[in-house]
Amino acid sequence: MTPNPATMTVQEAMDFAAVAKGYHFSMDREIGPIGWVDPDGVLCEDHPFRPTLDSAAAAMPERWCFSLERYETGYTISAHSWDMTKTVPTFEADTELLARWRLVVACMMAEKEVGDE
């Protein structure tokens, strides 16, 4: 099933971004969750991303331009690639943090779709 950025929580978006960047979550059958493992196989002490605006900015794929607007009831955010060949739909969210993380996922998915063609 394809993930829907418009309905993701911040945690779900951070997890999606981590997997897209090559991390995976390790589990042990006997003791349960172990933690996140980086692309080189090294166990991380914590999640690769934090629930912050800076971390969302760091996770954002390169060469994307976005527009964020604040309203009384929340935020809207949209983006396009620098060369205008890729766009993502406008997302709404209650907080800027949620809006930016949803946008990260949408841009990563758009990058993958173009790369798969």
C-alpha atoms as a PDB file:
ATOM      1  CA  MET A   1       0.000   0.000   0.000  1.00  0.00           C
ATOM      2  CA  THR A   2       1.309   3.426  -0.962  1.00  0.00           C
ATOM      3  CA  PRO A   3       1.770   5.796   1.990  1.00  0.00           C
ATOM      4  CA  ASN A   4      -0.372   8.939   2.017  1.00  0.00           C
ATOM      5  CA  PRO A   5       1.637  11.965   3.184  1.00  0.00           C
ATOM      6  CA  ALA A   6      -1.574  13.946   3.747  1.00  0.00           C
ATOM      7  CA  THR A   7      -2.600  11.663   6.618  1.00  0.00           C
ATOM      8  CA  MET A   8       0.804  10.914   8.181  1.00  0.00           C
ATOM      9  CA  THR A   9       1.798  11.917  11.677  1.00  0.00           C
ATOM     10  CA  VAL A  10       5.182  13.516  12.320  1.00  0.00           C
ATOM     11  CA  GLN A  11       6.498  10.174  13.647  1.00  0.00           C
ATOM     12  CA  GLU A  12       5.271   8.264  10.590  1.00  0.00           C
ATOM     13  CA  ALA A  13       6.861  10.839   8.290  1.00  0.00           C
ATOM     14  CA  MET A  14      10.163  10.684  10.181  1.00  0.00           C
ATOM     15  CA  ASP A  15      10.139   6.875   9.932  1.00  0.00           C
ATOM     16  CA  PHE A  16       9.416   7.051   6.182  1.00  0.00           C
ATOM     17  CA  ALA A  17      12.276   9.531   5.690  1.00  0.00           C
ATOM     18  CA  ALA A  18      14.676   7.357   7.678  1.00  0.00           C
ATOM     19  CA  VAL A  19      13.894   4.302   5.549  1.00  0.00           C
ATOM     20  CA  ALA A  20      14.154   6.382   2.357  1.00  0.00           C
ATOM     21  CA  LYS A  21      17.629   7.520   3.470  1.00  0.00           C
ATOM     22  CA  GLY A  22      18.774   3.905   3.926  1.00  0.00           C
ATOM     23  CA  TYR A  23      18.113   3.296   7.626  1.00  0.00           C
ATOM     24  CA  HIS A  24      16.147   0.318   8.905  1.00  0.00           C
ATOM     25  CA  PHE A  25      14.589  -0.562  12.241  1.00  0.00           C
ATOM     26  CA  SER A  26      16.034  -3.690  13.800  1.00  0.00           C
ATOM     27  CA  MET A  27      13.970  -6.130  15.837  1.00  0.00           C
ATOM     28  CA  ASP A  28      15.012  -9.185  17.834  1.00  0.00           C
ATOM     29  CA  ARG A  29      12.536 -12.063  18.133  1.00  0.00           C
ATOM     30  CA  GLU A  30      13.299 -12.589  21.800  1.00  0.00           C
ATOM     31  CA  ILE A  31      13.965  -9.121  23.218  1.00  0.00           C
ATOM     32  CA  GLY A  32      11.901  -6.983  20.817  1.00  0.00           C
ATOM     33  CA  PRO A  33      12.925  -3.622  19.354  1.00  0.00           C
ATOM     34  CA  ILE A  34      16.644  -2.937  19.154  1.00  0.00           C
ATOM     35  CA  GLY A  35      16.767   0.397  17.302  1.00  0.00           C
ATOM     36  CA  TRP A  36      17.600   2.152  14.078  1.00  0.00           C
ATOM     37  CA  VAL A  37      20.550   0.917  12.015  1.00  0.00           C
ATOM     38  CA  ASP A  38      22.287   3.280   9.586  1.00  0.00           C
ATOM     39  CA  PRO A  39      23.123   2.428   5.949  1.00  0.00           C
ATOM     40  CA  ASP A  40      26.591   1.216   7.039  1.00  0.00           C
ATOM     41  CA  GLY A  41      25.108  -1.268   9.524  1.00  0.00           C
ATOM     42  CA  VAL A  42      25.897   0.762  12.652  1.00  0.00           C
ATOM     43  CA  LEU A  43      23.272   0.815  15.401  1.00  0.00           C
ATOM     44  CA  CYS A  44      22.101   4.381  16.148  1.00  0.00           C
ATOM     45  CA  GLU A  45      21.475   5.553  19.686  1.00  0.00           C
ATOM     46  CA  ASP A  46      18.199   7.190  18.642  1.00  0.00           C
ATOM     47  CA  HIS A  47      15.963   7.873  15.650  1.00  0.00           C
ATOM     48  CA  PRO A  48      17.928   9.329  12.705  1.00  0.00           C
ATOM     49  CA  PHE A  49      15.599  12.373  12.687  1.00  0.00           C
ATOM     50  CA  ARG A  50      14.169  14.552  15.435  1.00  0.00           C
ATOM     51  CA  PRO A  51      10.662  16.058  15.484  1.00  0.00           C
ATOM     52  CA  THR A  52      11.993  19.545  14.727  1.00  0.00           C
ATOM     53  CA  LEU A  53      11.861  22.016  11.840  1.00  0.00           C
ATOM     54  CA  ASP A  54      15.652  21.771  11.437  1.00  0.00           C
ATOM     55  CA  SER A  55      15.474  18.002  11.118  1.00  0.00           C
ATOM     56  CA  ALA A  56      12.682  18.263   8.536  1.00  0.00           C
ATOM     57  CA  ALA A  57      14.832  20.707   6.579  1.00  0.00           C
ATOM     58  CA  ALA A  58      17.781  18.295   6.723  1.00  0.00           C
ATOM     59  CA  ALA A  59      15.597  15.421   5.477  1.00  0.00           C
ATOM     60  CA  MET A  60      14.170  17.412   2.557  1.00  0.00           C
ATOM     61  CA  PRO A  61      15.511  16.233  -0.816  1.00  0.00           C
ATOM     62  CA  GLU A  62      17.877  18.681  -2.494  1.00  0.00           C
ATOM     63  CA  ARG A  63      16.771  21.217  -5.090  1.00  0.00           C
ATOM     64  CA  TRP A  64      13.126  21.622  -4.026  1.00  0.00           C
ATOM     65  CA  CYS A  65      11.409  24.979  -3.523  1.00  0.00           C
ATOM     66  CA  PHE A  66       8.439  25.201  -1.197  1.00  0.00           C
ATOM     67  CA  SER A  67       5.779  27.668  -0.205  1.00  0.00           C
ATOM     68  CA  LEU A  68       4.354  27.717   3.309  1.00  0.00           C
ATOM     69  CA  GLU A  69       1.355  29.794   4.280  1.00  0.00           C
ATOM     70  CA  ARG A  70      -0.071  30.269   7.746  1.00  0.00           C
ATOM     71  CA  TYR A  71      -3.761  30.773   8.388  1.00  0.00           C
ATOM     72  CA  GLU A  72      -5.805  31.110  11.563  1.00  0.00           C
ATOM     73  CA  THR A  73      -6.704  27.433  11.362  1.00  0.00           C
ATOM     74  CA  GLY A  74      -3.338  25.986  10.350  1.00  0.00           C
ATOM     75  CA  TYR A  75      -0.813  25.789   7.539  1.00  0.00           C
ATOM     76  CA  THR A  76      -0.706  24.926   3.849  1.00  0.00           C
ATOM     77  CA  ILE A  77       2.482  23.888   2.107  1.00  0.00           C
ATOM     78  CA  SER A  78       3.394  22.902  -1.452  1.00  0.00           C
ATOM     79  CA  ALA A  79       6.566  22.396  -3.457  1.00  0.00           C
ATOM     80  CA  HIS A  80       8.147  21.956  -6.852  1.00  0.00           C
ATOM     81  CA  SER A  81      11.574  20.892  -8.021  1.00  0.00           C
ATOM     82  CA  TRP A  82      14.010  23.633  -8.941  1.00  0.00           C
ATOM     83  CA  ASP A  83      13.614  22.860 -12.660  1.00  0.00           C
ATOM     84  CA  MET A  84       9.797  22.642 -12.420  1.00  0.00           C
ATOM     85  CA  THR A  85       9.722  19.031 -13.683  1.00  0.00           C
ATOM     86  CA  LYS A  86       8.230  17.668 -10.434  1.00  0.00           C
ATOM     87  CA  THR A  87       5.480  19.025  -8.212  1.00  0.00           C
ATOM     88  CA  VAL A  88       3.661  17.800  -5.140  1.00  0.00           C
ATOM     89  CA  PRO A  89       0.123  18.648  -4.080  1.00  0.00           C
ATOM     90  CA  THR A  90      -0.693  21.206  -1.436  1.00  0.00           C
ATOM     91  CA  PHE A  91      -0.949  19.785   2.066  1.00  0.00           C
ATOM     92  CA  GLU A  92      -2.780  21.160   5.066  1.00  0.00           C
ATOM     93  CA  ALA A  93      -1.741  20.648   8.669  1.00  0.00           C
ATOM     94  CA  ASP A  94      -2.438  22.021  12.126  1.00  0.00           C
ATOM     95  CA  THR A  95       1.216  22.845  12.765  1.00  0.00           C
ATOM     96  CA  GLU A  96       4.188  23.953  10.685  1.00  0.00           C
ATOM     97  CA  LEU A  97       6.142  20.935  11.903  1.00  0.00           C
ATOM     98  CA  LEU A  98       3.530  18.507  10.610  1.00  0.00           C
ATOM     99  CA  ALA A  99       3.215  20.399   7.318  1.00  0.00           C
ATOM    100  CA  ARG A 100       6.961  20.289   6.693  1.00  0.00           C
ATOM    101  CA  TRP A 101       7.326  16.594   7.528  1.00  0.00           C
ATOM    102  CA  ARG A 102       4.418  15.706   5.245  1.00  0.00           C
ATOM    103  CA  LEU A 103       6.102  17.706   2.493  1.00  0.00           C
ATOM    104  CA  VAL A 104       9.379  15.836   3.028  1.00  0.00           C
ATOM    105  CA  VAL A 105       7.582  12.541   2.412  1.00  0.00           C
ATOM    106  CA  ALA A 106       5.738  13.847  -0.655  1.00  0.00           C
ATOM    107  CA  CYS A 107       8.958  15.176  -2.201  1.00  0.00           C
ATOM    108  CA  MET A 108      10.802  11.918  -1.490  1.00  0.00           C
ATOM    109  CA  MET A 109       7.976   9.980  -3.132  1.00  0.00           C
ATOM    110  CA  ALA A 110       8.049  12.304  -6.170  1.00  0.00           C
ATOM    111  CA  GLU A 111      11.817  11.819  -6.477  1.00  0.00           C
ATOM    112  CA  LYS A 112      11.392   8.031  -6.404  1.00  0.00           C
ATOM    113  CA  GLU A 113       8.587   8.055  -8.999  1.00  0.00           C
ATOM    114  CA  VAL A 114      10.715  10.018 -11.451  1.00  0.00           C
ATOM    115  CA  GLY A 115      13.739   7.817 -10.740  1.00  0.00           C
ATOM    116  CA  ASP A 116      11.739   4.616 -11.324  1.00  0.00           C
ATOM    117  CA  GLU A 117      10.593   5.611 -14.829  1.00  0.00           C
END
